[in-house]
Amino acid sequence: MPHIQTANQMVTQITVIEAEPEKQNEALSLMAERARFMARQPGFVSISLHRSLDGRRIINYIQWQNRELLQSAHQSPDFRKAWGKFDDLTDQIDPHLYEVAQVLDAR
């Protein structure tokens, strides 16, 4: 489960993936398979996948203990082996690292 707190020292990667609506389900399925792999890697905290209702985007919200362990997981040959197929399903992949700046809830 995601842990969204400002005092949190984890690294967050949010990736926006754009795809044609007819390819969204297949791209999401491949992302879910890769998420299961990532969940077994050192430093894993959480992964949340979101799909847009218009079928054009997938958001991948990743939390990792630190940047180095996340980079190491991304460099794994097992993670990268399906990359070519993923490129065929998507138009654009836009990943960025973030830190939590503020959290408000409905308490």
PDB file of N, CA and C in Angstrom:
ATOM      1  N   MET A   1       0.842  -1.171   0.000  1.00  0.00           N
ATOM      2  CA  MET A   1       0.000   0.000   0.000  1.00  0.00           C
ATOM      3  C   MET A   1       0.892   1.240   0.000  1.00  0.00           C
ATOM      4  N   PRO A   2       0.567   2.256  -0.785  1.00  0.00           N
ATOM      5  CA  PRO A   2       1.363   3.473  -0.801  1.00  0.00           C
ATOM      6  C   PRO A   2       1.393   4.152   0.570  1.00  0.00           C
ATOM      7  N   HIS A   3       2.532   4.741   0.867  1.00  0.00           N
ATOM      8  CA  HIS A   3       2.737   5.487   2.103  1.00  0.00           C
ATOM      9  C   HIS A   3       3.052   6.921   1.700  1.00  0.00           C
ATOM     10  N   ILE A   4       2.063   7.789   1.743  1.00  0.00           N
ATOM     11  CA  ILE A   4       2.258   9.151   1.269  1.00  0.00           C
ATOM     12  C   ILE A   4       2.311  10.071   2.479  1.00  0.00           C
ATOM     13  N   GLN A   5       3.531  10.466   2.829  1.00  0.00           N
ATOM     14  CA  GLN A   5       3.775  11.316   3.991  1.00  0.00           C
ATOM     15  C   GLN A   5       4.929  12.252   3.677  1.00  0.00           C
ATOM     16  N   THR A   6       4.878  13.467   4.197  1.00  0.00           N
ATOM     17  CA  THR A   6       5.957  14.415   3.927  1.00  0.00           C
ATOM     18  C   THR A   6       7.248  14.042   4.641  1.00  0.00           C
ATOM     19  N   ALA A   7       7.183  13.372   5.780  1.00  0.00           N
ATOM     20  CA  ALA A   7       8.383  12.978   6.517  1.00  0.00           C
ATOM     21  C   ALA A   7       9.009  11.711   5.937  1.00  0.00           C
ATOM     22  N   ASN A   8       8.448  11.207   4.896  1.00  0.00           N
ATOM     23  CA  ASN A   8       8.870   9.971   4.269  1.00  0.00           C
ATOM     24  C   ASN A   8      10.174  10.188   3.497  1.00  0.00           C
ATOM     25  N   GLN A   9      11.143   9.318   3.648  1.00  0.00           N
ATOM     26  CA  GLN A   9      12.412   9.436   2.945  1.00  0.00           C
ATOM     27  C   GLN A   9      12.465   8.609   1.663  1.00  0.00           C
ATOM     28  N   MET A  10      11.352   7.981   1.303  1.00  0.00           N
ATOM     29  CA  MET A  10      11.325   7.157   0.099  1.00  0.00           C
ATOM     30  C   MET A  10      11.383   8.022  -1.153  1.00  0.00           C
ATOM     31  N   VAL A  11      11.712   7.381  -2.255  1.00  0.00           N
ATOM     32  CA  VAL A  11      11.656   8.035  -3.550  1.00  0.00           C
ATOM     33  C   VAL A  11      10.372   7.576  -4.249  1.00  0.00           C
ATOM     34  N   THR A  12       9.727   8.492  -4.941  1.00  0.00           N
ATOM     35  CA  THR A  12       8.510   8.190  -5.697  1.00  0.00           C
ATOM     36  C   THR A  12       8.789   8.449  -7.165  1.00  0.00           C
ATOM     37  N   GLN A  13       8.438   7.480  -7.987  1.00  0.00           N
ATOM     38  CA  GLN A  13       8.508   7.678  -9.430  1.00  0.00           C
ATOM     39  C   GLN A  13       7.087   7.629  -9.953  1.00  0.00           C
ATOM     40  N   ILE A  14       6.715   8.653 -10.705  1.00  0.00           N
ATOM     41  CA  ILE A  14       5.412   8.672 -11.365  1.00  0.00           C
ATOM     42  C   ILE A  14       5.688   8.680 -12.858  1.00  0.00           C
ATOM     43  N   THR A  15       5.135   7.687 -13.546  1.00  0.00           N
ATOM     44  CA  THR A  15       5.337   7.563 -14.980  1.00  0.00           C
ATOM     45  C   THR A  15       3.989   7.673 -15.672  1.00  0.00           C
ATOM     46  N   VAL A  16       3.917   8.565 -16.647  1.00  0.00           N
ATOM     47  CA  VAL A  16       2.714   8.709 -17.470  1.00  0.00           C
ATOM     48  C   VAL A  16       2.999   8.014 -18.794  1.00  0.00           C
ATOM     49  N   ILE A  17       2.158   7.052 -19.132  1.00  0.00           N
ATOM     50  CA  ILE A  17       2.299   6.291 -20.361  1.00  0.00           C
ATOM     51  C   ILE A  17       1.105   6.630 -21.243  1.00  0.00           C
ATOM     52  N   GLU A  18       1.374   6.999 -22.481  1.00  0.00           N
ATOM     53  CA  GLU A  18       0.301   7.278 -23.424  1.00  0.00           C
ATOM     54  C   GLU A  18       0.231   6.161 -24.450  1.00  0.00           C
ATOM     55  N   ALA A  19      -0.987   5.728 -24.733  1.00  0.00           N
ATOM     56  CA  ALA A  19      -1.224   4.649 -25.689  1.00  0.00           C
ATOM     57  C   ALA A  19      -2.558   4.884 -26.382  1.00  0.00           C
ATOM     58  N   GLU A  20      -2.726   4.252 -27.511  1.00  0.00           N
ATOM     59  CA  GLU A  20      -4.018   4.291 -28.182  1.00  0.00           C
ATOM     60  C   GLU A  20      -5.020   3.499 -27.341  1.00  0.00           C
ATOM     61  N   PRO A  21      -6.276   3.926 -27.290  1.00  0.00           N
ATOM     62  CA  PRO A  21      -7.270   3.244 -26.451  1.00  0.00           C
ATOM     63  C   PRO A  21      -7.353   1.734 -26.686  1.00  0.00           C
ATOM     64  N   GLU A  22      -7.200   1.285 -27.920  1.00  0.00           N
ATOM     65  CA  GLU A  22      -7.294  -0.152 -28.199  1.00  0.00           C
ATOM     66  C   GLU A  22      -6.082  -0.934 -27.681  1.00  0.00           C
ATOM     67  N   LYS A  23      -5.023  -0.233 -27.280  1.00  0.00           N
ATOM     68  CA  LYS A  23      -3.819  -0.884 -26.756  1.00  0.00           C
ATOM     69  C   LYS A  23      -3.678  -0.736 -25.238  1.00  0.00           C
ATOM     70  N   GLN A  24      -4.562   0.036 -24.605  1.00  0.00           N
ATOM     71  CA  GLN A  24      -4.414   0.310 -23.177  1.00  0.00           C
ATOM     72  C   GLN A  24      -4.448  -0.965 -22.338  1.00  0.00           C
ATOM     73  N   ASN A  25      -5.402  -1.851 -22.586  1.00  0.00           N
ATOM     74  CA  ASN A  25      -5.514  -3.069 -21.771  1.00  0.00           C
ATOM     75  C   ASN A  25      -4.278  -3.950 -21.884  1.00  0.00           C
ATOM     76  N   GLU A  26      -3.754  -4.115 -23.076  1.00  0.00           N
ATOM     77  CA  GLU A  26      -2.556  -4.943 -23.256  1.00  0.00           C
ATOM     78  C   GLU A  26      -1.342  -4.300 -22.602  1.00  0.00           C
ATOM     79  N   ALA A  27      -1.208  -2.979 -22.743  1.00  0.00           N
ATOM     80  CA  ALA A  27      -0.099  -2.275 -22.091  1.00  0.00           C
ATOM     81  C   ALA A  27      -0.221  -2.378 -20.575  1.00  0.00           C
ATOM     82  N   LEU A  28      -1.429  -2.248 -20.054  1.00  0.00           N
ATOM     83  CA  LEU A  28      -1.644  -2.353 -18.613  1.00  0.00           C
ATOM     84  C   LEU A  28      -1.330  -3.761 -18.114  1.00  0.00           C
ATOM     85  N   SER A  29      -1.681  -4.769 -18.880  1.00  0.00           N
ATOM     86  CA  SER A  29      -1.374  -6.146 -18.515  1.00  0.00           C
ATOM     87  C   SER A  29       0.138  -6.370 -18.440  1.00  0.00           C
ATOM     88  N   LEU A  30       0.871  -5.849 -19.405  1.00  0.00           N
ATOM     89  CA  LEU A  30       2.331  -5.962 -19.389  1.00  0.00           C
ATOM     90  C   LEU A  30       2.917  -5.201 -18.198  1.00  0.00           C
ATOM     91  N   MET A  31       2.359  -4.039 -17.903  1.00  0.00           N
ATOM     92  CA  MET A  31       2.829  -3.267 -16.738  1.00  0.00           C
ATOM     93  C   MET A  31       2.566  -4.030 -15.449  1.00  0.00           C
ATOM     94  N   ALA A  32       1.428  -4.687 -15.335  1.00  0.00           N
ATOM     95  CA  ALA A  32       1.116  -5.472 -14.135  1.00  0.00           C
ATOM     96  C   ALA A  32       2.103  -6.627 -13.974  1.00  0.00           C
ATOM     97  N   GLU A  33       2.470  -7.256 -15.084  1.00  0.00           N
ATOM     98  CA  GLU A  33       3.466  -8.339 -15.044  1.00  0.00           C
ATOM     99  C   GLU A  33       4.811  -7.791 -14.556  1.00  0.00           C
ATOM    100  N   ARG A  34       5.209  -6.656 -15.066  1.00  0.00           N
ATOM    101  CA  ARG A  34       6.472  -6.040 -14.641  1.00  0.00           C
ATOM    102  C   ARG A  34       6.388  -5.582 -13.187  1.00  0.00           C
ATOM    103  N   ALA A  35       5.222  -5.141 -12.748  1.00  0.00           N
ATOM    104  CA  ALA A  35       5.049  -4.719 -11.349  1.00  0.00           C
ATOM    105  C   ALA A  35       5.255  -5.903 -10.413  1.00  0.00           C
ATOM    106  N   ARG A  36       4.763  -7.079 -10.794  1.00  0.00           N
ATOM    107  CA  ARG A  36       4.967  -8.276  -9.963  1.00  0.00           C
ATOM    108  C   ARG A  36       6.450  -8.611  -9.842  1.00  0.00           C
ATOM    109  N   PHE A  37       7.204  -8.427 -10.921  1.00  0.00           N
ATOM    110  CA  PHE A  37       8.654  -8.617 -10.871  1.00  0.00           C
ATOM    111  C   PHE A  37       9.292  -7.601  -9.920  1.00  0.00           C
ATOM    112  N   MET A  38       8.909  -6.341 -10.073  1.00  0.00           N
ATOM    113  CA  MET A  38       9.494  -5.272  -9.251  1.00  0.00           C
ATOM    114  C   MET A  38       9.190  -5.483  -7.772  1.00  0.00           C
ATOM    115  N   ALA A  39       8.039  -6.034  -7.460  1.00  0.00           N
ATOM    116  CA  ALA A  39       7.641  -6.253  -6.065  1.00  0.00           C
ATOM    117  C   ALA A  39       8.579  -7.209  -5.339  1.00  0.00           C
ATOM    118  N   ARG A  40       9.366  -7.980  -6.077  1.00  0.00           N
ATOM    119  CA  ARG A  40      10.310  -8.925  -5.467  1.00  0.00           C
ATOM    120  C   ARG A  40      11.729  -8.361  -5.370  1.00  0.00           C
ATOM    121  N   GLN A  41      11.929  -7.107  -5.808  1.00  0.00           N
ATOM    122  CA  GLN A  41      13.270  -6.530  -5.838  1.00  0.00           C
ATOM    123  C   GLN A  41      13.591  -5.801  -4.527  1.00  0.00           C
ATOM    124  N   PRO A  42      14.889  -5.748  -4.165  1.00  0.00           N
ATOM    125  CA  PRO A  42      15.287  -5.030  -2.949  1.00  0.00           C
ATOM    126  C   PRO A  42      14.854  -3.565  -2.997  1.00  0.00           C
ATOM    127  N   GLY A  43      14.317  -3.086  -1.901  1.00  0.00           N
ATOM    128  CA  GLY A  43      13.924  -1.685  -1.780  1.00  0.00           C
ATOM    129  C   GLY A  43      12.486  -1.393  -2.165  1.00  0.00           C
ATOM    130  N   PHE A  44      11.764  -2.395  -2.672  1.00  0.00           N
ATOM    131  CA  PHE A  44      10.373  -2.192  -3.096  1.00  0.00           C
ATOM    132  C   PHE A  44       9.493  -1.777  -1.912  1.00  0.00           C
ATOM    133  N   VAL A  45       8.637  -0.785  -2.134  1.00  0.00           N
ATOM    134  CA  VAL A  45       7.630  -0.381  -1.153  1.00  0.00           C
ATOM    135  C   VAL A  45       6.239  -0.602  -1.738  1.00  0.00           C
ATOM    136  N   SER A  46       5.937   0.000  -2.896  1.00  0.00           N
ATOM    137  CA  SER A  46       4.613  -0.178  -3.500  1.00  0.00           C
ATOM    138  C   SER A  46       4.618   0.240  -4.966  1.00  0.00           C
ATOM    139  N   ILE A  47       3.670  -0.314  -5.695  1.00  0.00           N
ATOM    140  CA  ILE A  47       3.383   0.114  -7.068  1.00  0.00           C
ATOM    141  C   ILE A  47       1.869   0.185  -7.200  1.00  0.00           C
ATOM    142  N   SER A  48       1.383   1.283  -7.756  1.00  0.00           N
ATOM    143  CA  SER A  48      -0.044   1.447  -8.040  1.00  0.00           C
ATOM    144  C   SER A  48      -0.194   1.798  -9.515  1.00  0.00           C
ATOM    145  N   LEU A  49      -1.020   1.053 -10.217  1.00  0.00           N
ATOM    146  CA  LEU A  49      -1.284   1.315 -11.630  1.00  0.00           C
ATOM    147  C   LEU A  49      -2.676   1.909 -11.773  1.00  0.00           C
ATOM    148  N   HIS A  50      -2.775   2.947 -12.578  1.00  0.00           N
ATOM    149  CA  HIS A  50      -4.050   3.633 -12.821  1.00  0.00           C
ATOM    150  C   HIS A  50      -4.266   3.721 -14.322  1.00  0.00           C
ATOM    151  N   ARG A  51      -5.512   3.564 -14.758  1.00  0.00           N
ATOM    152  CA  ARG A  51      -5.822   3.735 -16.178  1.00  0.00           C
ATOM    153  C   ARG A  51      -6.808   4.890 -16.326  1.00  0.00           C
ATOM    154  N   SER A  52      -6.622   5.679 -17.373  1.00  0.00           N
ATOM    155  CA  SER A  52      -7.548   6.781 -17.623  1.00  0.00           C
ATOM    156  C   SER A  52      -8.837   6.241 -18.211  1.00  0.00           C
ATOM    157  N   LEU A  53      -9.913   6.928 -17.932  1.00  0.00           N
ATOM    158  CA  LEU A  53     -11.220   6.492 -18.420  1.00  0.00           C
ATOM    159  C   LEU A  53     -11.374   6.687 -19.920  1.00  0.00           C
ATOM    160  N   ASP A  54     -10.548   7.558 -20.518  1.00  0.00           N
ATOM    161  CA  ASP A  54     -10.615   7.736 -21.968  1.00  0.00           C
ATOM    162  C   ASP A  54      -9.763   6.711 -22.720  1.00  0.00           C
ATOM    163  N   GLY A  55      -9.037   5.846 -21.981  1.00  0.00           N
ATOM    164  CA  GLY A  55      -8.257   4.783 -22.600  1.00  0.00           C
ATOM    165  C   GLY A  55      -6.901   5.199 -23.133  1.00  0.00           C
ATOM    166  N   ARG A  56      -6.511   6.438 -22.930  1.00  0.00           N
ATOM    167  CA  ARG A  56      -5.286   6.946 -23.542  1.00  0.00           C
ATOM    168  C   ARG A  56      -4.064   6.971 -22.630  1.00  0.00           C
ATOM    169  N   ARG A  57      -4.248   6.808 -21.323  1.00  0.00           N
ATOM    170  CA  ARG A  57      -3.109   6.920 -20.415  1.00  0.00           C
ATOM    171  C   ARG A  57      -3.118   5.837 -19.349  1.00  0.00           C
ATOM    172  N   ILE A  58      -1.911   5.527 -18.895  1.00  0.00           N
ATOM    173  CA  ILE A  58      -1.696   4.684 -17.728  1.00  0.00           C
ATOM    174  C   ILE A  58      -0.734   5.458 -16.836  1.00  0.00           C
ATOM    175  N   ILE A  59      -1.045   5.502 -15.557  1.00  0.00           N
ATOM    176  CA  ILE A  59      -0.147   6.138 -14.589  1.00  0.00           C
ATOM    177  C   ILE A  59       0.417   5.030 -13.709  1.00  0.00           C
ATOM    178  N   ASN A  60       1.736   5.021 -13.595  1.00  0.00           N
ATOM    179  CA  ASN A  60       2.448   4.062 -12.767  1.00  0.00           C
ATOM    180  C   ASN A  60       3.055   4.848 -11.603  1.00  0.00           C
ATOM    181  N   TYR A  61       2.568   4.588 -10.395  1.00  0.00           N
ATOM    182  CA  TYR A  61       3.009   5.296  -9.185  1.00  0.00           C
ATOM    183  C   TYR A  61       3.837   4.308  -8.367  1.00  0.00           C
ATOM    184  N   ILE A  62       5.148   4.539  -8.296  1.00  0.00           N
ATOM    185  CA  ILE A  62       6.089   3.621  -7.652  1.00  0.00           C
ATOM    186  C   ILE A  62       6.701   4.287  -6.431  1.00  0.00           C
ATOM    187  N   GLN A  63       6.795   3.544  -5.336  1.00  0.00           N
ATOM    188  CA  GLN A  63       7.537   4.009  -4.162  1.00  0.00           C
ATOM    189  C   GLN A  63       8.640   2.995  -3.868  1.00  0.00           C
ATOM    190  N   TRP A  64       9.831   3.531  -3.630  1.00  0.00           N
ATOM    191  CA  TRP A  64      10.998   2.699  -3.388  1.00  0.00           C
ATOM    192  C   TRP A  64      11.759   3.259  -2.195  1.00  0.00           C
ATOM    193  N   GLN A  65      12.501   2.417  -1.504  1.00  0.00           N
ATOM    194  CA  GLN A  65      13.236   2.863  -0.321  1.00  0.00           C
ATOM    195  C   GLN A  65      14.243   3.961  -0.651  1.00  0.00           C
ATOM    196  N   ASN A  66      14.901   3.849  -1.810  1.00  0.00           N
ATOM    197  CA  ASN A  66      15.821   4.915  -2.206  1.00  0.00           C
ATOM    198  C   ASN A  66      16.066   4.847  -3.714  1.00  0.00           C
ATOM    199  N   ARG A  67      16.640   5.895  -4.237  1.00  0.00           N
ATOM    200  CA  ARG A  67      16.862   6.043  -5.673  1.00  0.00           C
ATOM    201  C   ARG A  67      17.801   4.960  -6.222  1.00  0.00           C
ATOM    202  N   GLU A  68      18.848   4.632  -5.484  1.00  0.00           N
ATOM    203  CA  GLU A  68      19.831   3.657  -5.961  1.00  0.00           C
ATOM    204  C   GLU A  68      19.212   2.273  -6.162  1.00  0.00           C
ATOM    205  N   LEU A  69      18.404   1.838  -5.194  1.00  0.00           N
ATOM    206  CA  LEU A  69      17.760   0.532  -5.325  1.00  0.00           C
ATOM    207  C   LEU A  69      16.732   0.518  -6.459  1.00  0.00           C
ATOM    208  N   LEU A  70      16.038   1.622  -6.665  1.00  0.00           N
ATOM    209  CA  LEU A  70      15.090   1.711  -7.779  1.00  0.00           C
ATOM    210  C   LEU A  70      15.833   1.624  -9.110  1.00  0.00           C
ATOM    211  N   GLN A  71      16.928   2.358  -9.231  1.00  0.00           N
ATOM    212  CA  GLN A  71      17.716   2.308 -10.470  1.00  0.00           C
ATOM    213  C   GLN A  71      18.257   0.911 -10.726  1.00  0.00           C
ATOM    214  N   SER A  72      18.689   0.236  -9.682  1.00  0.00           N
ATOM    215  CA  SER A  72      19.191  -1.123  -9.816  1.00  0.00           C
ATOM    216  C   SER A  72      18.093  -2.064 -10.328  1.00  0.00           C
ATOM    217  N   ALA A  73      16.892  -1.941  -9.796  1.00  0.00           N
ATOM    218  CA  ALA A  73      15.776  -2.774 -10.243  1.00  0.00           C
ATOM    219  C   ALA A  73      15.449  -2.497 -11.711  1.00  0.00           C
ATOM    220  N   HIS A  74      15.492  -1.240 -12.117  1.00  0.00           N
ATOM    221  CA  HIS A  74      15.212  -0.888 -13.511  1.00  0.00           C
ATOM    222  C   HIS A  74      16.273  -1.436 -14.466  1.00  0.00           C
ATOM    223  N   GLN A  75      17.492  -1.636 -13.995  1.00  0.00           N
ATOM    224  CA  GLN A  75      18.570  -2.124 -14.854  1.00  0.00           C
ATOM    225  C   GLN A  75      18.613  -3.648 -14.968  1.00  0.00           C
ATOM    226  N   SER A  76      17.797  -4.344 -14.212  1.00  0.00           N
ATOM    227  CA  SER A  76      17.776  -5.798 -14.243  1.00  0.00           C
ATOM    228  C   SER A  76      17.431  -6.306 -15.644  1.00  0.00           C
ATOM    229  N   PRO A  77      18.186  -7.278 -16.164  1.00  0.00           N
ATOM    230  CA  PRO A  77      17.859  -7.842 -17.477  1.00  0.00           C
ATOM    231  C   PRO A  77      16.444  -8.437 -17.529  1.00  0.00           C
ATOM    232  N   ASP A  78      15.986  -9.023 -16.437  1.00  0.00           N
ATOM    233  CA  ASP A  78      14.630  -9.587 -16.416  1.00  0.00           C
ATOM    234  C   ASP A  78      13.569  -8.507 -16.553  1.00  0.00           C
ATOM    235  N   PHE A  79      13.824  -7.323 -15.999  1.00  0.00           N
ATOM    236  CA  PHE A  79      12.885  -6.211 -16.126  1.00  0.00           C
ATOM    237  C   PHE A  79      12.887  -5.680 -17.559  1.00  0.00           C
ATOM    238  N   ARG A  80      14.042  -5.593 -18.170  1.00  0.00           N
ATOM    239  CA  ARG A  80      14.186  -4.954 -19.474  1.00  0.00           C
ATOM    240  C   ARG A  80      13.819  -5.865 -20.650  1.00  0.00           C
ATOM    241  N   LYS A  81      13.696  -7.172 -20.428  1.00  0.00           N
ATOM    242  CA  LYS A  81      13.517  -8.084 -21.558  1.00  0.00           C
ATOM    243  C   LYS A  81      12.218  -7.859 -22.340  1.00  0.00           C
ATOM    244  N   ALA A  82      11.176  -7.365 -21.720  1.00  0.00           N
ATOM    245  CA  ALA A  82       9.906  -7.128 -22.427  1.00  0.00           C
ATOM    246  C   ALA A  82       9.781  -5.687 -22.917  1.00  0.00           C
ATOM    247  N   TRP A  83      10.854  -4.920 -22.823  1.00  0.00           N
ATOM    248  CA  TRP A  83      10.783  -3.499 -23.159  1.00  0.00           C
ATOM    249  C   TRP A  83      10.362  -3.260 -24.606  1.00  0.00           C
ATOM    250  N   GLY A  84      10.869  -4.051 -25.547  1.00  0.00           N
ATOM    251  CA  GLY A  84      10.515  -3.867 -26.955  1.00  0.00           C
ATOM    252  C   GLY A  84       9.023  -3.999 -27.195  1.00  0.00           C
ATOM    253  N   LYS A  85       8.397  -4.978 -26.579  1.00  0.00           N
ATOM    254  CA  LYS A  85       6.945  -5.170 -26.709  1.00  0.00           C
ATOM    255  C   LYS A  85       6.207  -3.967 -26.133  1.00  0.00           C
ATOM    256  N   PHE A  86       6.692  -3.461 -25.009  1.00  0.00           N
ATOM    257  CA  PHE A  86       6.057  -2.313 -24.381  1.00  0.00           C
ATOM    258  C   PHE A  86       6.136  -1.085 -25.287  1.00  0.00           C
ATOM    259  N   ASP A  87       7.270  -0.901 -25.943  1.00  0.00           N
ATOM    260  CA  ASP A  87       7.418   0.220 -26.880  1.00  0.00           C
ATOM    261  C   ASP A  87       6.416   0.124 -28.028  1.00  0.00           C
ATOM    262  N   ASP A  88       6.085  -1.105 -28.454  1.00  0.00           N
ATOM    263  CA  ASP A  88       5.108  -1.294 -29.532  1.00  0.00           C
ATOM    264  C   ASP A  88       3.688  -0.919 -29.093  1.00  0.00           C
ATOM    265  N   LEU A  89       3.416  -0.997 -27.797  1.00  0.00           N
ATOM    266  CA  LEU A  89       2.068  -0.744 -27.290  1.00  0.00           C
ATOM    267  C   LEU A  89       1.831   0.709 -26.887  1.00  0.00           C
ATOM    268  N   THR A  90       2.892   1.476 -26.743  1.00  0.00           N
ATOM    269  CA  THR A  90       2.760   2.824 -26.197  1.00  0.00           C
ATOM    270  C   THR A  90       3.266   3.872 -27.180  1.00  0.00           C
ATOM    271  N   ASP A  91       2.751   5.092 -27.021  1.00  0.00           N
ATOM    272  CA  ASP A  91       3.191   6.212 -27.838  1.00  0.00           C
ATOM    273  C   ASP A  91       4.268   7.031 -27.135  1.00  0.00           C
ATOM    274  N   GLN A  92       4.133   7.167 -25.811  1.00  0.00           N
ATOM    275  CA  GLN A  92       5.071   7.979 -25.054  1.00  0.00           C
ATOM    276  C   GLN A  92       5.146   7.461 -23.617  1.00  0.00           C
ATOM    277  N   ILE A  93       6.359   7.459 -23.062  1.00  0.00           N
ATOM    278  CA  ILE A  93       6.587   7.065 -21.679  1.00  0.00           C
ATOM    279  C   ILE A  93       7.350   8.211 -21.024  1.00  0.00           C
ATOM    280  N   ASP A  94       6.786   8.762 -19.940  1.00  0.00           N
ATOM    281  CA  ASP A  94       7.352   9.954 -19.316  1.00  0.00           C
ATOM    282  C   ASP A  94       7.533   9.739 -17.810  1.00  0.00           C
ATOM    283  N   PRO A  95       8.696   9.173 -17.377  1.00  0.00           N
ATOM    284  CA  PRO A  95       8.931   8.945 -15.947  1.00  0.00           C
ATOM    285  C   PRO A  95       9.673  10.109 -15.290  1.00  0.00           C
ATOM    286  N   HIS A  96       9.324  10.385 -14.023  1.00  0.00           N
ATOM    287  CA  HIS A  96      10.026  11.409 -13.239  1.00  0.00           C
ATOM    288  C   HIS A  96      10.036  10.992 -11.775  1.00  0.00           C
ATOM    289  N   LEU A  97      11.076  11.416 -11.039  1.00  0.00           N
ATOM    290  CA  LEU A  97      11.170  11.156  -9.603  1.00  0.00           C
ATOM    291  C   LEU A  97      10.612  12.339  -8.831  1.00  0.00           C
ATOM    292  N   TYR A  98       9.964  12.040  -7.695  1.00  0.00           N
ATOM    293  CA  TYR A  98       9.312  13.069  -6.888  1.00  0.00           C
ATOM    294  C   TYR A  98       9.574  12.830  -5.410  1.00  0.00           C
ATOM    295  N   GLU A  99       9.366  13.890  -4.626  1.00  0.00           N
ATOM    296  CA  GLU A  99       9.278  13.767  -3.172  1.00  0.00           C
ATOM    297  C   GLU A  99       7.955  14.377  -2.759  1.00  0.00           C
ATOM    298  N   VAL A 100       7.398  13.882  -1.678  1.00  0.00           N
ATOM    299  CA  VAL A 100       6.105  14.367  -1.198  1.00  0.00           C
ATOM    300  C   VAL A 100       6.314  15.747  -0.576  1.00  0.00           C
ATOM    301  N   ALA A 101       5.575  16.742  -1.035  1.00  0.00           N
ATOM    302  CA  ALA A 101       5.698  18.108  -0.528  1.00  0.00           C
ATOM    303  C   ALA A 101       4.617  18.448   0.477  1.00  0.00           C
ATOM    304  N   GLN A 102       3.423  17.902   0.298  1.00  0.00           N
ATOM    305  CA  GLN A 102       2.316  18.201   1.207  1.00  0.00           C
ATOM    306  C   GLN A 102       1.250  17.128   1.068  1.00  0.00           C
ATOM    307  N   VAL A 103       0.611  16.793   2.178  1.00  0.00           N
ATOM    308  CA  VAL A 103      -0.488  15.820   2.185  1.00  0.00           C
ATOM    309  C   VAL A 103      -1.650  16.407   2.973  1.00  0.00           C
ATOM    310  N   LEU A 104      -2.830  16.378   2.394  1.00  0.00           N
ATOM    311  CA  LEU A 104      -4.055  16.790   3.066  1.00  0.00           C
ATOM    312  C   LEU A 104      -5.023  15.616   3.005  1.00  0.00           C
ATOM    313  N   ASP A 105      -5.767  15.399   4.066  1.00  0.00           N
ATOM    314  CA  ASP A 105      -6.778  14.352   4.020  1.00  0.00           C
ATOM    315  C   ASP A 105      -8.091  14.864   4.632  1.00  0.00           C
ATOM    316  N   ALA A 106      -9.114  14.047   4.604  1.00  0.00           N
ATOM    317  CA  ALA A 106     -10.461  14.464   4.993  1.00  0.00           C
ATOM    318  C   ALA A 106     -10.771  14.176   6.461  1.00  0.00           C
ATOM    319  N   ARG A 107      -9.835  14.282   7.329  1.00  0.00           N
ATOM    320  CA  ARG A 107     -10.072  14.000   8.743  1.00  0.00           C
ATOM    321  C   ARG A 107     -11.040  14.936   9.371  1.00  0.00           C
TER     322      ARG A 107
END
